[in-house]
Amino acid sequence: MSDVLRADFVRTPAPERLSPHHPLRSEILSRHSEAVESGRPTYRDPVSGLSVLTAAFLASRSYCCASGAAIAPLWVRAIANGSVNSR
C-alpha cells in the first residue's frame, strides 16, 4: 500500500501531531513555512533546538518512517494502522 499525502500537508500539521493550542505553534509553523518556501529540507525547532525535516522533504522520500514528526505529510491513520511503506 502506498502512503497517502494529506491534501494540506505543507501548511497544516495534523492536530494529533501539533496541537492547535501549543504555545509555540505559530513560531513552529512560521519556521516550517520559511524553510519550505526557501527550498530548505530542515528548520530549527524552537522547543528543542533540533533540526527538523519539513513536510515537503518528508513527502519527497516516498515512504513514512513513522517517527511521529509534528508536520508529517502522511495521513495519521496510515501510520496508526501500520500501513506505511518501509525503507
C-alpha atoms as a PDB file:
ATOM      1  CA  MET A   1       0.000   0.000   0.000  1.00  0.00           C
ATOM      2  CA  SER A   2       1.371   3.418  -0.860  1.00  0.00           C
ATOM      3  CA  ASP A   3       1.390   6.256   1.631  1.00  0.00           C
ATOM      4  CA  VAL A   4      -1.355   8.843   1.215  1.00  0.00           C
ATOM      5  CA  LEU A   5      -0.420  12.517   1.399  1.00  0.00           C
ATOM      6  CA  ARG A   6      -2.816  14.790   3.216  1.00  0.00           C
ATOM      7  CA  ALA A   7      -4.138  17.477   0.842  1.00  0.00           C
ATOM      8  CA  ASP A   8      -2.961  20.250   3.189  1.00  0.00           C
ATOM      9  CA  PHE A   9       0.292  18.578   4.259  1.00  0.00           C
ATOM     10  CA  VAL A  10       2.634  21.502   3.547  1.00  0.00           C
ATOM     11  CA  ARG A  11       0.735  24.140   5.528  1.00  0.00           C
ATOM     12  CA  THR A  12      -1.288  22.335   8.199  1.00  0.00           C
ATOM     13  CA  PRO A  13       0.065  19.781  10.650  1.00  0.00           C
ATOM     14  CA  ALA A  14      -2.299  17.088  11.868  1.00  0.00           C
ATOM     15  CA  PRO A  15      -3.746  18.196  15.236  1.00  0.00           C
ATOM     16  CA  GLU A  16      -2.674  14.860  16.717  1.00  0.00           C
ATOM     17  CA  ARG A  17       0.929  15.820  15.965  1.00  0.00           C
ATOM     18  CA  LEU A  18       0.974  19.559  16.756  1.00  0.00           C
ATOM     19  CA  SER A  19      -1.839  20.783  18.954  1.00  0.00           C
ATOM     20  CA  PRO A  20      -3.692  23.913  17.861  1.00  0.00           C
ATOM     21  CA  HIS A  21      -3.114  25.047  21.471  1.00  0.00           C
ATOM     22  CA  HIS A  22       0.665  24.500  21.547  1.00  0.00           C
ATOM     23  CA  PRO A  23       2.209  27.708  22.952  1.00  0.00           C
ATOM     24  CA  LEU A  24       4.816  27.887  20.161  1.00  0.00           C
ATOM     25  CA  ARG A  25       2.595  26.645  17.309  1.00  0.00           C
ATOM     26  CA  SER A  26       2.746  29.889  15.311  1.00  0.00           C
ATOM     27  CA  GLU A  27       6.544  30.048  15.667  1.00  0.00           C
ATOM     28  CA  ILE A  28       6.901  26.404  14.601  1.00  0.00           C
ATOM     29  CA  LEU A  29       4.646  26.926  11.583  1.00  0.00           C
ATOM     30  CA  SER A  30       6.441  30.143  10.644  1.00  0.00           C
ATOM     31  CA  ARG A  31       9.856  28.441  10.714  1.00  0.00           C
ATOM     32  CA  HIS A  32       8.479  25.495   8.746  1.00  0.00           C
ATOM     33  CA  SER A  33       6.912  27.757   6.100  1.00  0.00           C
ATOM     34  CA  GLU A  34      10.103  29.790   5.704  1.00  0.00           C
ATOM     35  CA  ALA A  35      12.128  26.623   5.170  1.00  0.00           C
ATOM     36  CA  VAL A  36       9.663  25.188   2.627  1.00  0.00           C
ATOM     37  CA  GLU A  37       9.467  28.467   0.692  1.00  0.00           C
ATOM     38  CA  SER A  38      13.275  28.689   0.639  1.00  0.00           C
ATOM     39  CA  GLY A  39      13.629  25.087  -0.535  1.00  0.00           C
ATOM     40  CA  ARG A  40      15.483  24.034   2.625  1.00  0.00           C
ATOM     41  CA  PRO A  41      14.826  20.487   3.882  1.00  0.00           C
ATOM     42  CA  THR A  42      15.027  21.473   7.569  1.00  0.00           C
ATOM     43  CA  TYR A  43      14.265  24.188  10.094  1.00  0.00           C
ATOM     44  CA  ARG A  44      15.328  24.718  13.720  1.00  0.00           C
ATOM     45  CA  ASP A  45      12.671  23.625  16.220  1.00  0.00           C
ATOM     46  CA  PRO A  46      12.077  26.450  18.741  1.00  0.00           C
ATOM     47  CA  VAL A  47      11.241  23.972  21.517  1.00  0.00           C
ATOM     48  CA  SER A  48      14.145  21.523  21.318  1.00  0.00           C
ATOM     49  CA  GLY A  49      16.647  23.457  19.216  1.00  0.00           C
ATOM     50  CA  LEU A  50      16.990  20.398  16.980  1.00  0.00           C
ATOM     51  CA  SER A  51      16.961  20.412  13.198  1.00  0.00           C
ATOM     52  CA  VAL A  52      13.574  19.178  11.953  1.00  0.00           C
ATOM     53  CA  LEU A  53      12.711  17.900   8.465  1.00  0.00           C
ATOM     54  CA  THR A  54       9.990  19.781   6.582  1.00  0.00           C
ATOM     55  CA  ALA A  55       6.780  18.152   5.373  1.00  0.00           C
ATOM     56  CA  ALA A  56       7.858  18.844   1.786  1.00  0.00           C
ATOM     57  CA  PHE A  57      11.116  16.943   2.292  1.00  0.00           C
ATOM     58  CA  LEU A  58       9.392  14.063   4.082  1.00  0.00           C
ATOM     59  CA  ALA A  59       6.838  13.771   1.256  1.00  0.00           C
ATOM     60  CA  SER A  60       9.631  13.658  -1.328  1.00  0.00           C
ATOM     61  CA  ARG A  61      11.071  10.488   0.285  1.00  0.00           C
ATOM     62  CA  SER A  62       8.038   8.406  -0.768  1.00  0.00           C
ATOM     63  CA  TYR A  63       7.856   6.462   2.495  1.00  0.00           C
ATOM     64  CA  CYS A  64       6.985   7.108   6.116  1.00  0.00           C
ATOM     65  CA  CYS A  65       9.396   6.392   8.925  1.00  0.00           C
ATOM     66  CA  ALA A  66       6.516   6.596  11.477  1.00  0.00           C
ATOM     67  CA  SER A  67       8.678   8.513  13.948  1.00  0.00           C
ATOM     68  CA  GLY A  68       5.916  10.951  14.881  1.00  0.00           C
ATOM     69  CA  ALA A  69       7.026  14.152  13.156  1.00  0.00           C
ATOM     70  CA  ALA A  70       4.828  17.112  14.113  1.00  0.00           C
ATOM     71  CA  ILE A  71       4.452  18.139  10.485  1.00  0.00           C
ATOM     72  CA  ALA A  72       4.240  14.656   8.987  1.00  0.00           C
ATOM     73  CA  PRO A  73       2.797  14.834   5.468  1.00  0.00           C
ATOM     74  CA  LEU A  74       1.008  11.486   5.596  1.00  0.00           C
ATOM     75  CA  TRP A  75      -2.402  10.574   6.889  1.00  0.00           C
ATOM     76  CA  VAL A  76      -2.086   9.855  10.590  1.00  0.00           C
ATOM     77  CA  ARG A  77      -4.394   6.838  10.275  1.00  0.00           C
ATOM     78  CA  ALA A  78      -1.956   5.263   7.798  1.00  0.00           C
ATOM     79  CA  ILE A  79       0.729   5.487  10.440  1.00  0.00           C
ATOM     80  CA  ALA A  80      -1.557   4.340  13.249  1.00  0.00           C
ATOM     81  CA  ASN A  81      -2.687   1.205  11.452  1.00  0.00           C
ATOM     82  CA  GLY A  82       0.779   0.284  10.254  1.00  0.00           C
ATOM     83  CA  SER A  83       0.031   0.696   6.553  1.00  0.00           C
ATOM     84  CA  VAL A  84       3.136   2.761   5.831  1.00  0.00           C
ATOM     85  CA  ASN A  85       5.915   1.951   3.421  1.00  0.00           C
ATOM     86  CA  SER A  86       9.151   0.668   4.853  1.00  0.00           C
ATOM     87  CA  ARG A  87      12.541   1.752   3.636  1.00  0.00           C
END
